[in-house]
């Protein structure tokens, strides 16, 4: 025991110092965690999606025709992000007709037409899949 402390005393002192350092690290990490949590974003949320409700276009803005889908005997359109049929109302307008590449609607006593964008995609039906066979 030339150094003044026995081996047992040195191990005990080392354990106390290690425990104190561990406690300091844990306390430091816990104090930073709440501040960092506000900075974290949901990894599953698309980057362009905002937490607030989407802005509605002005009531008198022209309707945006996004797609037209047809089947024998019926036609539906996607207008301003909503699926509509003839007779439906969207953004204050009454859909009066749906054609293969446009819609006719009335709003405020005026008849208007919205056309599909130029990048048209035609999808044909697959009779095999419609028959329920793989």
C-alpha atoms as a PDB file:
ATOM      1  CA  UNK A   1       0.000   0.000   0.000  1.00  0.00           C
ATOM      2  CA  UNK A   2       2.724   2.387  -0.966  1.00  0.00           C
ATOM      3  CA  UNK A   3       0.364   4.658  -2.938  1.00  0.00           C
ATOM      4  CA  UNK A   4      -1.837   5.473   0.028  1.00  0.00           C
ATOM      5  CA  UNK A   5      -4.994   3.696  -1.254  1.00  0.00           C
ATOM      6  CA  UNK A   6      -5.662   0.026  -1.344  1.00  0.00           C
ATOM      7  CA  UNK A   7      -6.744  -1.672  -4.571  1.00  0.00           C
ATOM      8  CA  UNK A   8     -10.232  -2.005  -3.170  1.00  0.00           C
ATOM      9  CA  UNK A   9     -10.388   1.741  -2.416  1.00  0.00           C
ATOM     10  CA  UNK A  10      -9.140   2.619  -5.908  1.00  0.00           C
ATOM     11  CA  UNK A  11     -11.783   0.377  -7.543  1.00  0.00           C
ATOM     12  CA  UNK A  12     -14.503   1.920  -5.362  1.00  0.00           C
ATOM     13  CA  UNK A  13     -13.351   5.465  -6.246  1.00  0.00           C
ATOM     14  CA  UNK A  14     -13.199   4.574  -9.948  1.00  0.00           C
ATOM     15  CA  UNK A  15     -16.730   3.109  -9.782  1.00  0.00           C
ATOM     16  CA  UNK A  16     -18.080   6.262  -8.122  1.00  0.00           C
ATOM     17  CA  UNK A  17     -16.447   8.498 -10.752  1.00  0.00           C
ATOM     18  CA  UNK A  18     -17.750   6.293 -13.600  1.00  0.00           C
ATOM     19  CA  UNK A  19     -21.269   6.326 -12.138  1.00  0.00           C
ATOM     20  CA  UNK A  20     -21.118  10.117 -11.730  1.00  0.00           C
ATOM     21  CA  UNK A  21     -19.993  10.566 -15.344  1.00  0.00           C
ATOM     22  CA  UNK A  22     -22.757   8.242 -16.578  1.00  0.00           C
ATOM     23  CA  UNK A  23     -25.361  10.182 -14.581  1.00  0.00           C
ATOM     24  CA  UNK A  24     -24.079  13.485 -16.024  1.00  0.00           C
ATOM     25  CA  UNK A  25     -24.316  12.140 -19.589  1.00  0.00           C
ATOM     26  CA  UNK A  26     -27.847  10.808 -19.040  1.00  0.00           C
ATOM     27  CA  UNK A  27     -29.043  14.049 -17.434  1.00  0.00           C
ATOM     28  CA  UNK A  28     -27.466  16.064 -20.239  1.00  0.00           C
ATOM     29  CA  UNK A  29     -29.087  13.915 -22.922  1.00  0.00           C
ATOM     30  CA  UNK A  30     -32.502  14.121 -21.271  1.00  0.00           C
ATOM     31  CA  UNK A  31     -32.320  17.898 -21.023  1.00  0.00           C
ATOM     32  CA  UNK A  32     -31.550  18.220 -24.760  1.00  0.00           C
ATOM     33  CA  UNK A  33     -34.164  15.675 -25.956  1.00  0.00           C
ATOM     34  CA  UNK A  34     -37.295  17.870 -25.553  1.00  0.00           C
ATOM     35  CA  UNK A  35     -35.664  20.719 -27.485  1.00  0.00           C
ATOM     36  CA  UNK A  36     -34.640  18.381 -30.323  1.00  0.00           C
ATOM     37  CA  UNK A  37     -38.042  16.666 -30.497  1.00  0.00           C
ATOM     38  CA  UNK A  38     -39.607  19.852 -31.874  1.00  0.00           C
ATOM     39  CA  UNK A  39     -37.062  19.828 -34.721  1.00  0.00           C
ATOM     40  CA  UNK A  40     -37.829  16.250 -35.799  1.00  0.00           C
ATOM     41  CA  UNK A  41     -40.194  15.706 -38.722  1.00  0.00           C
ATOM     42  CA  UNK A  42     -42.322  12.687 -39.529  1.00  0.00           C
ATOM     43  CA  UNK A  43     -40.255  10.592 -41.991  1.00  0.00           C
ATOM     44  CA  UNK A  44     -43.450   9.223 -43.571  1.00  0.00           C
ATOM     45  CA  UNK A  45     -44.872  12.680 -44.378  1.00  0.00           C
ATOM     46  CA  UNK A  46     -44.140  13.854 -47.936  1.00  0.00           C
ATOM     47  CA  UNK A  47     -41.789  16.818 -48.038  1.00  0.00           C
ATOM     48  CA  UNK A  48     -44.330  19.024 -49.835  1.00  0.00           C
ATOM     49  CA  UNK A  49     -47.189  18.307 -47.434  1.00  0.00           C
ATOM     50  CA  UNK A  50     -47.909  21.033 -44.922  1.00  0.00           C
ATOM     51  CA  UNK A  51     -49.526  20.443 -41.567  1.00  0.00           C
ATOM     52  CA  UNK A  52     -52.237  23.045 -42.242  1.00  0.00           C
ATOM     53  CA  UNK A  53     -55.301  22.467 -44.411  1.00  0.00           C
ATOM     54  CA  UNK A  54     -54.740  22.990 -48.143  1.00  0.00           C
ATOM     55  CA  UNK A  55     -55.686  26.405 -49.467  1.00  0.00           C
ATOM     56  CA  UNK A  56     -58.918  26.497 -51.445  1.00  0.00           C
ATOM     57  CA  UNK A  57     -58.856  28.272 -54.824  1.00  0.00           C
ATOM     58  CA  UNK A  58     -60.902  31.467 -55.012  1.00  0.00           C
ATOM     59  CA  UNK A  59     -64.600  30.875 -55.695  1.00  0.00           C
ATOM     60  CA  UNK A  60     -64.382  32.482 -59.153  1.00  0.00           C
ATOM     61  CA  UNK A  61     -61.159  30.730 -60.255  1.00  0.00           C
ATOM     62  CA  UNK A  62     -61.534  28.455 -63.297  1.00  0.00           C
ATOM     63  CA  UNK A  63     -61.909  24.775 -62.492  1.00  0.00           C
ATOM     64  CA  UNK A  64     -58.881  22.574 -63.091  1.00  0.00           C
ATOM     65  CA  UNK A  65     -59.718  19.385 -64.980  1.00  0.00           C
ATOM     66  CA  UNK A  66     -57.129  16.772 -64.030  1.00  0.00           C
ATOM     67  CA  UNK A  67     -58.495  13.531 -65.522  1.00  0.00           C
ATOM     68  CA  UNK A  68     -61.481  11.946 -67.260  1.00  0.00           C
ATOM     69  CA  UNK A  69     -62.275   8.251 -66.880  1.00  0.00           C
ATOM     70  CA  UNK A  70     -64.821   6.455 -69.019  1.00  0.00           C
ATOM     71  CA  UNK A  71     -66.481   3.095 -68.996  1.00  0.00           C
ATOM     72  CA  UNK A  72     -69.438   1.928 -71.047  1.00  0.00           C
ATOM     73  CA  UNK A  73     -72.343   4.026 -69.866  1.00  0.00           C
ATOM     74  CA  UNK A  74     -70.585   6.328 -67.395  1.00  0.00           C
ATOM     75  CA  UNK A  75     -67.923   9.013 -67.157  1.00  0.00           C
ATOM     76  CA  UNK A  76     -66.275  10.586 -64.138  1.00  0.00           C
ATOM     77  CA  UNK A  77     -63.772  13.414 -63.907  1.00  0.00           C
ATOM     78  CA  UNK A  78     -61.262  14.622 -61.381  1.00  0.00           C
ATOM     79  CA  UNK A  79     -61.779  18.357 -60.923  1.00  0.00           C
ATOM     80  CA  UNK A  80     -59.777  20.368 -58.389  1.00  0.00           C
ATOM     81  CA  UNK A  81     -58.735  17.071 -56.772  1.00  0.00           C
ATOM     82  CA  UNK A  82     -62.299  15.737 -56.378  1.00  0.00           C
ATOM     83  CA  UNK A  83     -64.046  12.925 -58.281  1.00  0.00           C
ATOM     84  CA  UNK A  84     -67.210  14.296 -59.898  1.00  0.00           C
ATOM     85  CA  UNK A  85     -70.048  13.134 -62.149  1.00  0.00           C
ATOM     86  CA  UNK A  86     -72.475  15.136 -64.249  1.00  0.00           C
ATOM     87  CA  UNK A  87     -74.793  16.984 -61.859  1.00  0.00           C
ATOM     88  CA  UNK A  88     -72.242  17.256 -59.031  1.00  0.00           C
ATOM     89  CA  UNK A  89     -71.089  20.557 -57.553  1.00  0.00           C
ATOM     90  CA  UNK A  90     -67.459  21.444 -56.999  1.00  0.00           C
ATOM     91  CA  UNK A  91     -66.017  24.811 -55.921  1.00  0.00           C
ATOM     92  CA  UNK A  92     -69.415  26.448 -56.377  1.00  0.00           C
ATOM     93  CA  UNK A  93     -69.860  25.193 -59.949  1.00  0.00           C
ATOM     94  CA  UNK A  94     -72.401  22.722 -61.349  1.00  0.00           C
ATOM     95  CA  UNK A  95     -70.900  20.090 -63.660  1.00  0.00           C
ATOM     96  CA  UNK A  96     -73.268  19.941 -66.636  1.00  0.00           C
ATOM     97  CA  UNK A  97     -71.337  17.677 -69.045  1.00  0.00           C
ATOM     98  CA  UNK A  98     -68.266  15.451 -69.082  1.00  0.00           C
ATOM     99  CA  UNK A  99     -66.682  14.616 -72.446  1.00  0.00           C
ATOM    100  CA  UNK A 100     -63.583  12.558 -73.253  1.00  0.00           C
ATOM    101  CA  UNK A 101     -61.300  15.599 -72.885  1.00  0.00           C
ATOM    102  CA  UNK A 102     -63.281  18.361 -71.189  1.00  0.00           C
ATOM    103  CA  UNK A 103     -66.014  19.331 -68.780  1.00  0.00           C
ATOM    104  CA  UNK A 104     -68.735  21.911 -69.161  1.00  0.00           C
ATOM    105  CA  UNK A 105     -69.864  23.680 -66.005  1.00  0.00           C
ATOM    106  CA  UNK A 106     -71.961  26.622 -64.935  1.00  0.00           C
ATOM    107  CA  UNK A 107     -71.195  29.077 -62.169  1.00  0.00           C
ATOM    108  CA  UNK A 108     -72.817  32.416 -61.495  1.00  0.00           C
ATOM    109  CA  UNK A 109     -75.073  32.031 -64.538  1.00  0.00           C
ATOM    110  CA  UNK A 110     -72.093  31.587 -66.916  1.00  0.00           C
ATOM    111  CA  UNK A 111     -71.330  28.423 -68.907  1.00  0.00           C
ATOM    112  CA  UNK A 112     -67.627  27.579 -68.976  1.00  0.00           C
ATOM    113  CA  UNK A 113     -65.425  24.776 -70.288  1.00  0.00           C
ATOM    114  CA  UNK A 114     -62.301  23.245 -68.728  1.00  0.00           C
ATOM    115  CA  UNK A 115     -60.020  21.183 -70.963  1.00  0.00           C
ATOM    116  CA  UNK A 116     -57.641  18.389 -70.053  1.00  0.00           C
ATOM    117  CA  UNK A 117     -53.942  19.299 -70.130  1.00  0.00           C
ATOM    118  CA  UNK A 118     -52.069  18.402 -73.320  1.00  0.00           C
ATOM    119  CA  UNK A 119     -50.293  15.377 -71.751  1.00  0.00           C
ATOM    120  CA  UNK A 120     -53.148  12.945 -72.382  1.00  0.00           C
ATOM    121  CA  UNK A 121     -52.789   9.265 -71.419  1.00  0.00           C
ATOM    122  CA  UNK A 122     -55.114   6.661 -72.894  1.00  0.00           C
ATOM    123  CA  UNK A 123     -55.601   3.447 -70.929  1.00  0.00           C
ATOM    124  CA  UNK A 124     -57.267   0.492 -72.601  1.00  0.00           C
ATOM    125  CA  UNK A 125     -59.232  -2.121 -70.711  1.00  0.00           C
ATOM    126  CA  UNK A 126     -57.685  -5.571 -70.397  1.00  0.00           C
ATOM    127  CA  UNK A 127     -60.465  -8.111 -71.097  1.00  0.00           C
ATOM    128  CA  UNK A 128     -58.541 -10.906 -69.349  1.00  0.00           C
ATOM    129  CA  UNK A 129     -58.319  -8.960 -66.099  1.00  0.00           C
ATOM    130  CA  UNK A 130     -61.939  -7.883 -66.333  1.00  0.00           C
ATOM    131  CA  UNK A 131     -62.995 -11.519 -66.649  1.00  0.00           C
ATOM    132  CA  UNK A 132     -61.358 -12.183 -63.287  1.00  0.00           C
ATOM    133  CA  UNK A 133     -58.542 -14.357 -64.609  1.00  0.00           C
ATOM    134  CA  UNK A 134     -54.914 -13.676 -63.699  1.00  0.00           C
END
